[in-house]
C-alpha atoms as a PDB file:
ATOM      1  CA  MET A   1      -0.051  -0.165  -0.110  1.00  0.00           C
ATOM      2  CA  ASN A   2       1.486   3.480  -0.887  1.00  0.00           C
ATOM      3  CA  ARG A   3       1.257   6.607   1.179  1.00  0.00           C
ATOM      4  CA  GLN A   4      -1.649   8.263  -1.298  1.00  0.00           C
ATOM      5  CA  SER A   5      -3.665   5.221  -0.519  1.00  0.00           C
ATOM      6  CA  ALA A   6      -2.908   5.174   3.034  1.00  0.00           C
ATOM      7  CA  VAL A   7      -4.228   8.872   3.167  1.00  0.00           C
ATOM      8  CA  VAL A   8      -7.350   8.174   1.435  1.00  0.00           C
ATOM      9  CA  ILE A   9      -8.252   4.898   3.658  1.00  0.00           C
ATOM     10  CA  LEU A  10      -7.314   7.218   6.733  1.00  0.00           C
ATOM     11  CA  SER A  11      -9.719  10.048   5.670  1.00  0.00           C
ATOM     12  CA  PHE A  12     -12.259   7.606   4.810  1.00  0.00           C
ATOM     13  CA  LEU A  13     -12.285   5.944   8.572  1.00  0.00           C
ATOM     14  CA  LEU A  14     -12.376   9.525  10.020  1.00  0.00           C
ATOM     15  CA  VAL A  15     -15.314  10.612   8.078  1.00  0.00           C
ATOM     16  CA  ASN A  16     -17.340   7.371   8.638  1.00  0.00           C
ATOM     17  CA  ALA A  17     -16.309   7.562  12.414  1.00  0.00           C
ATOM     18  CA  GLY A  18     -17.487  11.002  12.553  1.00  0.00           C
ATOM     19  CA  PHE A  19     -20.817  10.924  10.350  1.00  0.00           C
ATOM     20  CA  GLY A  20     -21.837   7.486  11.302  1.00  0.00           C
ATOM     21  CA  GLN A  21     -22.698   8.455  14.749  1.00  0.00           C
ATOM     22  CA  SER A  22     -26.209   9.926  14.038  1.00  0.00           C
ATOM     23  CA  GLY A  23     -28.414   9.107  11.042  1.00  0.00           C
ATOM     24  CA  ILE A  24     -31.547  11.028  12.433  1.00  0.00           C
ATOM     25  CA  ASP A  25     -31.695  15.032  11.870  1.00  0.00           C
ATOM     26  CA  VAL A  26     -32.455  15.561  15.308  1.00  0.00           C
ATOM     27  CA  SER A  27     -30.682  18.234  17.595  1.00  0.00           C
ATOM     28  CA  LYS A  28     -29.321  16.685  20.951  1.00  0.00           C
ATOM     29  CA  SER A  29     -28.135  19.950  22.184  1.00  0.00           C
ATOM     30  CA  GLY A  30     -27.696  19.684  25.814  1.00  0.00           C
ATOM     31  CA  THR A  31     -27.898  15.716  26.207  1.00  0.00           C
ATOM     32  CA  THR A  32     -23.731  15.114  26.473  1.00  0.00           C
ATOM     33  CA  ALA A  33     -21.771  15.787  29.431  1.00  0.00           C
ATOM     34  CA  ALA A  34     -18.326  17.621  29.621  1.00  0.00           C
ATOM     35  CA  THR A  35     -19.533  20.246  26.974  1.00  0.00           C
ATOM     36  CA  PHE A  36     -16.760  22.664  28.150  1.00  0.00           C
ATOM     37  CA  LEU A  37     -14.515  20.430  25.436  1.00  0.00           C
ATOM     38  CA  GLU A  38     -16.521  22.204  22.891  1.00  0.00           C
ATOM     39  CA  ILE A  39     -15.350  25.631  23.920  1.00  0.00           C
ATOM     40  CA  ASN A  40     -13.075  26.916  21.259  1.00  0.00           C
ATOM     41  CA  VAL A  41      -9.234  27.392  22.373  1.00  0.00           C
ATOM     42  CA  GLY A  42      -6.779  30.151  21.529  1.00  0.00           C
ATOM     43  CA  ALA A  43      -7.603  33.777  20.273  1.00  0.00           C
ATOM     44  CA  PRO A  44      -6.128  33.184  16.602  1.00  0.00           C
ATOM     45  CA  ALA A  45      -8.660  30.301  16.057  1.00  0.00           C
ATOM     46  CA  VAL A  46     -11.661  32.199  17.678  1.00  0.00           C
ATOM     47  CA  GLY A  47     -10.855  35.477  15.842  1.00  0.00           C
ATOM     48  CA  MET A  48     -11.000  33.158  12.365  1.00  0.00           C
ATOM     49  CA  GLY A  49     -14.341  31.893  13.626  1.00  0.00           C
ATOM     50  CA  GLY A  50     -13.162  28.603  14.630  1.00  0.00           C
ATOM     51  CA  ALA A  51     -12.031  27.675  11.236  1.00  0.00           C
ATOM     52  CA  PHE A  52      -8.700  26.337  12.327  1.00  0.00           C
ATOM     53  CA  VAL A  53      -8.436  22.497  11.820  1.00  0.00           C
ATOM     54  CA  SER A  54      -6.464  22.688   8.728  1.00  0.00           C
ATOM     55  CA  ILE A  55      -4.161  25.605  10.236  1.00  0.00           C
ATOM     56  CA  ALA A  56      -3.450  23.969  13.444  1.00  0.00           C
ATOM     57  CA  ASN A  57       0.075  25.970  13.186  1.00  0.00           C
ATOM     58  CA  ASP A  58       0.398  26.781  17.208  1.00  0.00           C
ATOM     59  CA  ALA A  59       0.326  24.851  20.281  1.00  0.00           C
ATOM     60  CA  THR A  60      -3.411  25.169  20.344  1.00  0.00           C
ATOM     61  CA  ALA A  61      -3.342  22.296  17.726  1.00  0.00           C
ATOM     62  CA  LEU A  62      -2.779  20.059  20.658  1.00  0.00           C
ATOM     63  CA  TYR A  63      -6.892  20.900  21.095  1.00  0.00           C
ATOM     64  CA  TRP A  64      -7.720  21.497  17.233  1.00  0.00           C
ATOM     65  CA  ASN A  65      -6.048  18.868  15.711  1.00  0.00           C
ATOM     66  CA  PRO A  66      -2.962  16.988  17.025  1.00  0.00           C
ATOM     67  CA  ALA A  67      -1.553  16.532  13.664  1.00  0.00           C
ATOM     68  CA  GLY A  68      -0.823  20.082  13.249  1.00  0.00           C
ATOM     69  CA  VAL A  69       1.754  20.233  16.304  1.00  0.00           C
ATOM     70  CA  ALA A  70       4.128  17.749  13.959  1.00  0.00           C
ATOM     71  CA  THR A  71       4.740  20.745  11.634  1.00  0.00           C
ATOM     72  CA  ILE A  72       6.071  22.820  14.953  1.00  0.00           C
ATOM     73  CA  HIS A  73       9.606  22.319  14.444  1.00  0.00           C
ATOM     74  CA  GLN A  74      10.617  24.253  17.904  1.00  0.00           C
ATOM     75  CA  PRO A  75       9.350  23.767  21.209  1.00  0.00           C
ATOM     76  CA  SER A  76       6.434  25.921  21.666  1.00  0.00           C
ATOM     77  CA  ALA A  77       3.933  26.860  24.742  1.00  0.00           C
ATOM     78  CA  VAL A  78       0.811  28.593  24.638  1.00  0.00           C
ATOM     79  CA  ALA A  79      -1.567  30.029  27.853  1.00  0.00           C
ATOM     80  CA  VAL A  80      -5.058  31.106  26.990  1.00  0.00           C
ATOM     81  CA  HIS A  81      -7.600  32.863  29.385  1.00  0.00           C
ATOM     82  CA  THR A  82     -11.193  33.215  28.385  1.00  0.00           C
ATOM     83  CA  ASN A  83     -13.982  35.196  29.878  1.00  0.00           C
ATOM     84  CA  TRP A  84     -16.680  32.768  29.438  1.00  0.00           C
ATOM     85  CA  ILE A  85     -20.426  33.349  29.532  1.00  0.00           C
ATOM     86  CA  ALA A  86     -22.066  33.559  32.796  1.00  0.00           C
ATOM     87  CA  ASP A  87     -19.184  34.896  34.634  1.00  0.00           C
ATOM     88  CA  THR A  88     -17.201  31.702  34.249  1.00  0.00           C
ATOM     89  CA  LYS A  89     -13.484  31.293  33.353  1.00  0.00           C
ATOM     90  CA  PHE A  90     -12.264  29.241  30.748  1.00  0.00           C
ATOM     91  CA  ASP A  91      -8.301  28.702  31.084  1.00  0.00           C
ATOM     92  CA  TYR A  92      -6.125  26.516  28.599  1.00  0.00           C
ATOM     93  CA  ALA A  93      -2.302  25.769  28.876  1.00  0.00           C
ATOM     94  CA  GLY A  94      -0.236  23.492  26.287  1.00  0.00           C
ATOM     95  CA  ILE A  95       3.333  22.735  25.257  1.00  0.00           C
ATOM     96  CA  ALA A  96       4.685  21.122  22.264  1.00  0.00           C
ATOM     97  CA  LEU A  97       8.053  19.552  22.099  1.00  0.00           C
ATOM     98  CA  PRO A  98       9.691  18.104  18.902  1.00  0.00           C
ATOM     99  CA  LEU A  99      11.896  15.262  19.504  1.00  0.00           C
ATOM    100  CA  ALA A 100      13.656  15.111  16.071  1.00  0.00           C
ATOM    101  CA  ASP A 101      12.658  11.764  14.136  1.00  0.00           C
ATOM    102  CA  PHE A 102      10.679  10.461  16.866  1.00  0.00           C
ATOM    103  CA  GLY A 103       7.761  13.010  16.324  1.00  0.00           C
ATOM    104  CA  THR A 104       6.274  15.457  18.832  1.00  0.00           C
ATOM    105  CA  LEU A 105       5.192  15.345  22.154  1.00  0.00           C
ATOM    106  CA  GLY A 106       2.451  17.183  23.510  1.00  0.00           C
ATOM    107  CA  PHE A 107       0.956  18.086  26.963  1.00  0.00           C
ATOM    108  CA  SER A 108      -2.137  20.242  27.564  1.00  0.00           C
ATOM    109  CA  ILE A 109      -4.597  20.978  30.356  1.00  0.00           C
ATOM    110  CA  THR A 110      -7.856  22.522  30.127  1.00  0.00           C
ATOM    111  CA  SER A 111     -10.148  24.222  32.878  1.00  0.00           C
ATOM    112  CA  LEU A 112     -13.675  25.823  33.453  1.00  0.00           C
ATOM    113  CA  SER A 113     -14.091  27.399  36.835  1.00  0.00           C
ATOM    114  CA  MET A 114     -16.658  29.656  38.324  1.00  0.00           C
ATOM    115  CA  GLY A 115     -16.964  31.625  41.946  1.00  0.00           C
ATOM    116  CA  ASP A 116     -18.596  29.860  45.023  1.00  0.00           C
ATOM    117  CA  MET A 117     -22.532  29.762  45.186  1.00  0.00           C
ATOM    118  CA  GLN A 118     -24.707  29.837  48.179  1.00  0.00           C
ATOM    119  CA  VAL A 119     -26.441  26.845  49.015  1.00  0.00           C
ATOM    120  CA  ARG A 120     -30.216  27.586  48.618  1.00  0.00           C
ATOM    121  CA  THR A 121     -32.891  25.215  49.878  1.00  0.00           C
ATOM    122  CA  VAL A 122     -36.762  25.646  50.103  1.00  0.00           C
ATOM    123  CA  ASP A 123     -36.515  26.209  54.045  1.00  0.00           C
ATOM    124  CA  PHE A 124     -33.487  28.671  53.627  1.00  0.00           C
ATOM    125  CA  PRO A 125     -33.996  30.506  50.221  1.00  0.00           C
ATOM    126  CA  GLU A 126     -31.409  33.167  51.335  1.00  0.00           C
ATOM    127  CA  GLY A 127     -28.832  30.711  51.921  1.00  0.00           C
ATOM    128  CA  THR A 128     -27.954  27.903  54.598  1.00  0.00           C
ATOM    129  CA  GLY A 129     -24.656  29.547  55.238  1.00  0.00           C
ATOM    130  CA  GLU A 130     -22.683  27.235  53.080  1.00  0.00           C
ATOM    131  CA  TYR A 131     -21.454  27.397  49.789  1.00  0.00           C
ATOM    132  CA  PHE A 132     -20.598  25.087  46.828  1.00  0.00           C
ATOM    133  CA  SER A 133     -18.578  25.102  43.654  1.00  0.00           C
ATOM    134  CA  ALA A 134     -18.443  23.617  40.273  1.00  0.00           C
ATOM    135  CA  GLY A 135     -15.740  23.116  37.624  1.00  0.00           C
ATOM    136  CA  ASP A 136     -14.610  20.933  35.017  1.00  0.00           C
ATOM    137  CA  LEU A 137     -10.943  19.812  34.174  1.00  0.00           C
ATOM    138  CA  ALA A 138      -9.344  17.747  31.373  1.00  0.00           C
ATOM    139  CA  ALA A 139      -5.445  16.866  30.841  1.00  0.00           C
ATOM    140  CA  ALA A 140      -4.213  15.321  27.751  1.00  0.00           C
ATOM    141  CA  VAL A 141      -1.181  13.601  26.180  1.00  0.00           C
ATOM    142  CA  SER A 142      -0.643  14.060  22.604  1.00  0.00           C
ATOM    143  CA  TYR A 143       1.949  12.410  20.119  1.00  0.00           C
ATOM    144  CA  SER A 144       2.216  13.446  16.500  1.00  0.00           C
ATOM    145  CA  ARG A 145       4.438  12.708  13.515  1.00  0.00           C
ATOM    146  CA  GLN A 146       5.037  13.819  10.137  1.00  0.00           C
ATOM    147  CA  LEU A 147       4.905  10.571   7.890  1.00  0.00           C
ATOM    148  CA  THR A 148       5.949  12.492   4.492  1.00  0.00           C
ATOM    149  CA  GLU A 149       6.921  16.038   3.886  1.00  0.00           C
ATOM    150  CA  ARG A 150       3.027  16.520   3.195  1.00  0.00           C
ATOM    151  CA  PHE A 151       1.359  14.280   5.773  1.00  0.00           C
ATOM    152  CA  SER A 152       0.913  14.334   9.136  1.00  0.00           C
ATOM    153  CA  ILE A 153      -0.948  12.314  11.815  1.00  0.00           C
ATOM    154  CA  GLY A 154      -1.514  12.955  15.688  1.00  0.00           C
ATOM    155  CA  PHE A 155      -3.347  11.472  18.597  1.00  0.00           C
ATOM    156  CA  SER A 156      -4.437  12.660  22.046  1.00  0.00           C
ATOM    157  CA  GLY A 157      -5.364  10.697  24.921  1.00  0.00           C
ATOM    158  CA  LYS A 158      -7.448  12.723  27.757  1.00  0.00           C
ATOM    159  CA  TYR A 159      -8.571  12.259  31.082  1.00  0.00           C
ATOM    160  CA  ILE A 160     -11.608  14.417  31.935  1.00  0.00           C
ATOM    161  CA  GLN A 161     -13.552  15.347  35.190  1.00  0.00           C
ATOM    162  CA  GLU A 162     -16.521  17.396  36.060  1.00  0.00           C
ATOM    163  CA  THR A 163     -17.449  18.164  39.868  1.00  0.00           C
ATOM    164  CA  ILE A 164     -20.232  19.916  41.469  1.00  0.00           C
ATOM    165  CA  TRP A 165     -20.097  20.550  45.298  1.00  0.00           C
ATOM    166  CA  HIS A 166     -19.605  16.654  46.803  1.00  0.00           C
ATOM    167  CA  GLU A 167     -20.212  15.066  43.084  1.00  0.00           C
ATOM    168  CA  SER A 168     -18.112  14.339  40.375  1.00  0.00           C
ATOM    169  CA  ALA A 169     -17.970  12.267  36.893  1.00  0.00           C
ATOM    170  CA  SER A 170     -14.887  11.311  35.281  1.00  0.00           C
ATOM    171  CA  ALA A 171     -13.961   9.443  31.507  1.00  0.00           C
ATOM    172  CA  PHE A 172     -11.411   9.012  29.097  1.00  0.00           C
ATOM    173  CA  ALA A 173     -11.284   9.979  25.408  1.00  0.00           C
ATOM    174  CA  ILE A 174      -9.209   9.930  22.597  1.00  0.00           C
ATOM    175  CA  ASP A 175      -8.604  12.247  19.676  1.00  0.00           C
ATOM    176  CA  VAL A 176      -7.248  11.679  16.156  1.00  0.00           C
ATOM    177  CA  GLY A 177      -6.224  13.997  13.547  1.00  0.00           C
ATOM    178  CA  THR A 178      -4.740  14.183   9.928  1.00  0.00           C
ATOM    179  CA  LEU A 179      -3.116  17.077   8.088  1.00  0.00           C
ATOM    180  CA  PHE A 180      -2.280  16.984   4.187  1.00  0.00           C
ATOM    181  CA  ARG A 181      -0.724  19.682   2.112  1.00  0.00           C
ATOM    182  CA  THR A 182      -1.588  19.876  -1.505  1.00  0.00           C
ATOM    183  CA  ASP A 183      -0.310  21.696  -4.580  1.00  0.00           C
ATOM    184  CA  LEU A 184      -3.743  22.807  -5.402  1.00  0.00           C
ATOM    185  CA  PHE A 185      -4.783  26.719  -5.608  1.00  0.00           C
ATOM    186  CA  GLY A 186      -1.127  27.789  -4.080  1.00  0.00           C
ATOM    187  CA  GLY A 187      -0.838  25.089  -1.453  1.00  0.00           C
ATOM    188  CA  MET A 188      -4.171  24.197  -0.289  1.00  0.00           C
ATOM    189  CA  THR A 189      -3.854  22.261   3.122  1.00  0.00           C
ATOM    190  CA  ILE A 190      -6.686  19.856   4.155  1.00  0.00           C
ATOM    191  CA  GLY A 191      -7.307  18.981   7.599  1.00  0.00           C
ATOM    192  CA  ALA A 192      -9.527  16.443   9.732  1.00  0.00           C
ATOM    193  CA  ALA A 193      -9.905  15.745  13.437  1.00  0.00           C
ATOM    194  CA  LEU A 194     -12.258  13.275  15.341  1.00  0.00           C
ATOM    195  CA  THR A 195     -12.333  14.493  18.956  1.00  0.00           C
ATOM    196  CA  ASN A 196     -13.915  13.258  22.296  1.00  0.00           C
ATOM    197  CA  PHE A 197     -14.449   9.537  21.478  1.00  0.00           C
ATOM    198  CA  GLY A 198     -14.195   7.983  24.808  1.00  0.00           C
ATOM    199  CA  THR A 199     -16.254   6.425  27.773  1.00  0.00           C
ATOM    200  CA  THR A 200     -19.806   7.985  29.359  1.00  0.00           C
ATOM    201  CA  MET A 201     -19.923  10.142  32.342  1.00  0.00           C
ATOM    202  CA  LYS A 202     -21.806   9.455  35.536  1.00  0.00           C
ATOM    203  CA  MET A 203     -21.899  11.763  38.491  1.00  0.00           C
ATOM    204  CA  ALA A 204     -21.264   9.854  41.867  1.00  0.00           C
ATOM    205  CA  GLY A 205     -20.655  11.313  45.283  1.00  0.00           C
ATOM    206  CA  ARG A 206     -21.924  11.507  48.952  1.00  0.00           C
ATOM    207  CA  ASP A 207     -24.674  13.813  48.265  1.00  0.00           C
ATOM    208  CA  SER A 208     -26.258  11.071  46.350  1.00  0.00           C
ATOM    209  CA  ARG A 209     -26.907   8.936  49.550  1.00  0.00           C
ATOM    210  CA  GLN A 210     -30.067   9.108  51.373  1.00  0.00           C
ATOM    211  CA  PHE A 211     -31.577   7.361  54.589  1.00  0.00           C
ATOM    212  CA  VAL A 212     -35.229   6.516  54.259  1.00  0.00           C
ATOM    213  CA  ARG A 213     -37.912   4.232  55.962  1.00  0.00           C
ATOM    214  CA  LEU A 214     -38.886   1.267  53.940  1.00  0.00           C
ATOM    215  CA  ASN A 215     -42.289   1.209  55.101  1.00  0.00           C
ATOM    216  CA  PRO A 216     -43.530   4.802  56.483  1.00  0.00           C
ATOM    217  CA  ALA A 217     -47.000   3.339  57.963  1.00  0.00           C
ATOM    218  CA  GLU A 218     -45.360   0.714  60.238  1.00  0.00           C
ATOM    219  CA  LEU A 219     -44.231   2.217  63.522  1.00  0.00           C
ATOM    220  CA  GLY A 220     -40.710   0.986  64.888  1.00  0.00           C
ATOM    221  CA  THR A 221     -39.293   0.420  61.553  1.00  0.00           C
ATOM    222  CA  ASN A 222     -35.756   1.648  60.862  1.00  0.00           C
ATOM    223  CA  GLY A 223     -36.022   4.857  59.235  1.00  0.00           C
ATOM    224  CA  GLN A 224     -32.032   5.106  58.480  1.00  0.00           C
ATOM    225  CA  ILE A 225     -32.031   2.785  55.387  1.00  0.00           C
ATOM    226  CA  PRO A 226     -29.358   3.925  53.335  1.00  0.00           C
ATOM    227  CA  THR A 227     -29.932   4.289  49.620  1.00  0.00           C
ATOM    228  CA  ASP A 228     -28.142   5.948  46.560  1.00  0.00           C
ATOM    229  CA  ILE A 229     -29.921   7.783  43.921  1.00  0.00           C
ATOM    230  CA  ALA A 230     -28.991   6.235  40.476  1.00  0.00           C
ATOM    231  CA  PHE A 231     -27.839   8.756  37.968  1.00  0.00           C
ATOM    232  CA  ASP A 232     -27.860   8.040  34.169  1.00  0.00           C
ATOM    233  CA  SER A 233     -24.777   8.048  32.076  1.00  0.00           C
ATOM    234  CA  TRP A 234     -23.904  10.529  29.528  1.00  0.00           C
ATOM    235  CA  ASP A 235     -21.939  10.479  26.324  1.00  0.00           C
ATOM    236  CA  LEU A 236     -19.168  12.940  25.763  1.00  0.00           C
ATOM    237  CA  PRO A 237     -19.514  15.702  22.851  1.00  0.00           C
ATOM    238  CA  LEU A 238     -18.146  13.844  20.090  1.00  0.00           C
ATOM    239  CA  LEU A 239     -17.152  15.704  16.973  1.00  0.00           C
ATOM    240  CA  PHE A 240     -15.869  15.249  13.730  1.00  0.00           C
ATOM    241  CA  GLN A 241     -14.457  18.275  11.701  1.00  0.00           C
ATOM    242  CA  PHE A 242     -13.178  18.610   8.370  1.00  0.00           C
ATOM    243  CA  GLY A 243     -11.237  21.733   7.136  1.00  0.00           C
ATOM    244  CA  VAL A 244      -9.619  23.159   4.272  1.00  0.00           C
ATOM    245  CA  SER A 245      -7.239  26.462   4.202  1.00  0.00           C
ATOM    246  CA  THR A 246      -5.260  28.437   1.420  1.00  0.00           C
ATOM    247  CA  ARG A 247      -3.333  31.286   1.158  1.00  0.00           C
ATOM    248  CA  ILE A 248      -4.546  33.844  -1.428  1.00  0.00           C
ATOM    249  CA  PHE A 249      -0.806  35.371  -1.471  1.00  0.00           C
ATOM    250  CA  ASP A 250       2.375  34.699   0.392  1.00  0.00           C
ATOM    251  CA  ASN A 251       5.478  36.866   0.375  1.00  0.00           C
ATOM    252  CA  GLU A 252       7.966  38.340   2.674  1.00  0.00           C
ATOM    253  CA  GLU A 253       5.554  41.132   3.608  1.00  0.00           C
ATOM    254  CA  TYR A 254       2.261  40.018   3.624  1.00  0.00           C
ATOM    255  CA  ARG A 255       0.379  36.643   3.739  1.00  0.00           C
ATOM    256  CA  TRP A 256      -3.353  36.356   3.471  1.00  0.00           C
ATOM    257  CA  THR A 257      -4.984  33.120   4.191  1.00  0.00           C
ATOM    258  CA  LEU A 258      -8.623  31.843   3.979  1.00  0.00           C
ATOM    259  CA  ALA A 259     -10.083  28.995   5.946  1.00  0.00           C
ATOM    260  CA  ALA A 260     -13.411  26.909   6.183  1.00  0.00           C
ATOM    261  CA  ASP A 261     -14.346  24.113   8.617  1.00  0.00           C
ATOM    262  CA  ALA A 262     -17.497  21.789   8.530  1.00  0.00           C
ATOM    263  CA  LEU A 263     -18.593  20.353  11.548  1.00  0.00           C
ATOM    264  CA  HIS A 264     -20.664  17.200  12.608  1.00  0.00           C
ATOM    265  CA  PRO A 265     -21.198  16.797  16.314  1.00  0.00           C
ATOM    266  CA  ASN A 266     -23.213  14.290  18.044  1.00  0.00           C
ATOM    267  CA  ASP A 267     -25.290  16.867  20.012  1.00  0.00           C
ATOM    268  CA  ASN A 268     -26.108  19.217  17.387  1.00  0.00           C
ATOM    269  CA  TYR A 269     -26.995  19.904  13.854  1.00  0.00           C
ATOM    270  CA  GLU A 270     -23.869  20.157  11.136  1.00  0.00           C
ATOM    271  CA  SER A 271     -22.687  23.797  10.679  1.00  0.00           C
ATOM    272  CA  LEU A 272     -19.840  25.557   9.027  1.00  0.00           C
ATOM    273  CA  ASN A 273     -17.053  28.005  10.295  1.00  0.00           C
ATOM    274  CA  VAL A 274     -15.159  30.379   7.919  1.00  0.00           C
ATOM    275  CA  GLY A 275     -12.473  32.498   8.915  1.00  0.00           C
ATOM    276  CA  THR A 276      -9.503  34.756   7.408  1.00  0.00           C
ATOM    277  CA  GLU A 277      -6.221  36.157   8.390  1.00  0.00           C
ATOM    278  CA  PHE A 278      -4.082  38.592   6.974  1.00  0.00           C
ATOM    279  CA  ALA A 279      -0.455  38.857   8.224  1.00  0.00           C
ATOM    280  CA  TYR A 280       1.942  41.766   7.908  1.00  0.00           C
ATOM    281  CA  SER A 281       5.681  40.633   8.039  1.00  0.00           C
ATOM    282  CA  ASN A 282       4.764  38.038  10.530  1.00  0.00           C
ATOM    283  CA  PHE A 283       4.386  40.916  13.205  1.00  0.00           C
ATOM    284  CA  VAL A 284       0.983  41.908  12.997  1.00  0.00           C
ATOM    285  CA  PHE A 285      -2.235  39.883  12.333  1.00  0.00           C
ATOM    286  CA  LEU A 286      -5.635  40.894  11.393  1.00  0.00           C
ATOM    287  CA  ARG A 287      -8.561  37.999  11.748  1.00  0.00           C
ATOM    288  CA  ALA A 288     -11.949  37.822  11.180  1.00  0.00           C
ATOM    289  CA  GLY A 289     -14.548  34.755  10.976  1.00  0.00           C
ATOM    290  CA  TYR A 290     -18.006  33.498  11.456  1.00  0.00           C
ATOM    291  CA  GLN A 291     -18.964  30.591  13.576  1.00  0.00           C
ATOM    292  CA  SER A 292     -21.876  28.023  13.031  1.00  0.00           C
ATOM    293  CA  LEU A 293     -23.280  28.933   9.843  1.00  0.00           C
ATOM    294  CA  PHE A 294     -26.474  27.108   8.641  1.00  0.00           C
ATOM    295  CA  LEU A 295     -26.853  26.013  12.577  1.00  0.00           C
ATOM    296  CA  LYS A 296     -30.472  26.272  13.425  1.00  0.00           C
ATOM    297  CA  SER A 297     -30.876  28.360  16.826  1.00  0.00           C
ATOM    298  CA  SER A 298     -27.245  29.649  16.935  1.00  0.00           C
ATOM    299  CA  GLU A 299     -26.392  32.671  19.139  1.00  0.00           C
ATOM    300  CA  GLY A 300     -24.049  35.150  17.560  1.00  0.00           C
ATOM    301  CA  GLY A 301     -21.186  33.835  15.271  1.00  0.00           C
ATOM    302  CA  LEU A 302     -19.380  36.974  14.114  1.00  0.00           C
ATOM    303  CA  SER A 303     -15.784  37.282  15.749  1.00  0.00           C
ATOM    304  CA  LEU A 304     -12.718  39.671  15.230  1.00  0.00           C
ATOM    305  CA  GLY A 305      -9.162  39.239  16.356  1.00  0.00           C
ATOM    306  CA  VAL A 306      -5.672  40.851  16.441  1.00  0.00           C
ATOM    307  CA  GLY A 307      -2.594  39.742  17.248  1.00  0.00           C
ATOM    308  CA  VAL A 308       1.460  40.754  17.260  1.00  0.00           C
ATOM    309  CA  SER A 309       4.447  38.710  17.637  1.00  0.00           C
ATOM    310  CA  SER A 310       8.023  39.772  18.745  1.00  0.00           C
ATOM    311  CA  GLY A 311       9.712  37.754  15.910  1.00  0.00           C
ATOM    312  CA  ASN A 312      13.123  35.858  17.004  1.00  0.00           C
ATOM    313  CA  PHE A 313      14.837  37.557  19.700  1.00  0.00           C
ATOM    314  CA  LEU A 314      17.617  35.983  22.186  1.00  0.00           C
ATOM    315  CA  GLY A 315      18.355  33.205  19.397  1.00  0.00           C
ATOM    316  CA  ASN A 316      15.236  31.608  18.143  1.00  0.00           C
ATOM    317  CA  THR A 317      12.801  32.686  21.032  1.00  0.00           C
ATOM    318  CA  SER A 318       9.500  34.739  19.914  1.00  0.00           C
ATOM    319  CA  VAL A 319       6.708  35.730  21.757  1.00  0.00           C
ATOM    320  CA  GLY A 320       3.169  36.276  20.416  1.00  0.00           C
ATOM    321  CA  PHE A 321       0.189  37.868  22.067  1.00  0.00           C
ATOM    322  CA  ASP A 322      -3.303  37.588  20.788  1.00  0.00           C
ATOM    323  CA  TYR A 323      -6.999  38.774  21.377  1.00  0.00           C
ATOM    324  CA  ALA A 324     -10.243  38.019  19.839  1.00  0.00           C
ATOM    325  CA  TYR A 325     -13.672  39.240  20.392  1.00  0.00           C
ATOM    326  CA  GLN A 326     -16.750  36.427  19.873  1.00  0.00           C
ATOM    327  CA  ASP A 327     -20.293  37.582  19.295  1.00  0.00           C
ATOM    328  CA  MET A 328     -22.553  35.403  21.570  1.00  0.00           C
ATOM    329  CA  GLY A 329     -26.000  36.878  20.427  1.00  0.00           C
ATOM    330  CA  ARG A 330     -28.310  37.324  23.293  1.00  0.00           C
ATOM    331  CA  LEU A 331     -25.654  36.026  25.548  1.00  0.00           C
ATOM    332  CA  GLN A 332     -22.822  38.052  26.950  1.00  0.00           C
ATOM    333  CA  SER A 333     -20.005  38.429  24.227  1.00  0.00           C
ATOM    334  CA  VAL A 334     -16.721  36.696  24.897  1.00  0.00           C
ATOM    335  CA  HIS A 335     -13.039  37.804  25.163  1.00  0.00           C
ATOM    336  CA  VAL A 336     -10.031  35.739  24.562  1.00  0.00           C
ATOM    337  CA  PHE A 337      -6.602  36.207  25.599  1.00  0.00           C
ATOM    338  CA  THR A 338      -3.577  34.264  24.410  1.00  0.00           C
ATOM    339  CA  LEU A 339       0.218  34.280  25.124  1.00  0.00           C
ATOM    340  CA  GLY A 340       2.551  32.309  22.790  1.00  0.00           C
ATOM    341  CA  LEU A 341       5.992  31.225  23.473  1.00  0.00           C
ATOM    342  CA  ARG A 342       8.354  29.432  20.965  1.00  0.00           C
ATOM    343  CA  PHE A 343      11.791  28.677  22.128  1.00  0.00           C
END
């Protein structure tokens, strides 16, 4: 089997894995666990409307498409902070370490957090004096490798946890992605990624235990029989993305990139993300995009972004700062800040 055949077969498997999950045109929004895994990572990607699967050219590729980090030829790190909706905070950190012919290793961590909230009951609507918190966490290890000068593949394994007060749920999942650069239209790149393929999540904890009387009508029966509330199991937000990108022009001073991604999630309808980036001397970057095109009942969609890069200093070290604004319709707008480092 030659390499071109391998590329075709792998792409076919990814497409069938993604689109084979649902044959019914019904939205299942809100029916999966760990939906924080669907929050877009990184100001460059958000500024381009989430059309980043075929670009994946920085350490946030660990989230978008693990195959992309194989094209990064020097150690890279990224830290992302997002002021998310409902006064929550979304944070992401990742590092990619090229290891010559062995490939590239990556490590990342994702967190969604919020402030403490009062415990309120029917008897104490103003609060019992107790406070509770909720949060989500995912930690991932990634590996990617360039099989040829044009084709790379990557995998991620991750541990996922959700907590609220004394309850928690956990799961394991894998991501797989490919990246293929062609000679078409000035070097069009094709990317595909299947993310969050894993186990189900089920809440458990001490708050699910209650003590009951088996027969309330009988005097003298034990009223402290321990019971556990049975929780349902929930799938992870499985997502298949297929993207293309190309550079309209690319020279020493200017670079203009167009990108589009098609999305097929297991908890919503299909949609399309489109975006563009204009770079001047690899120093200033202007971005714009639109997310969730053709998605029924979507909120907002327009995004804008800007970034600056220091270029190389102190040897091969470079630092970049990026900002993105995302319109969320009836919800509050989202602001994303990213600090990137290559050394």
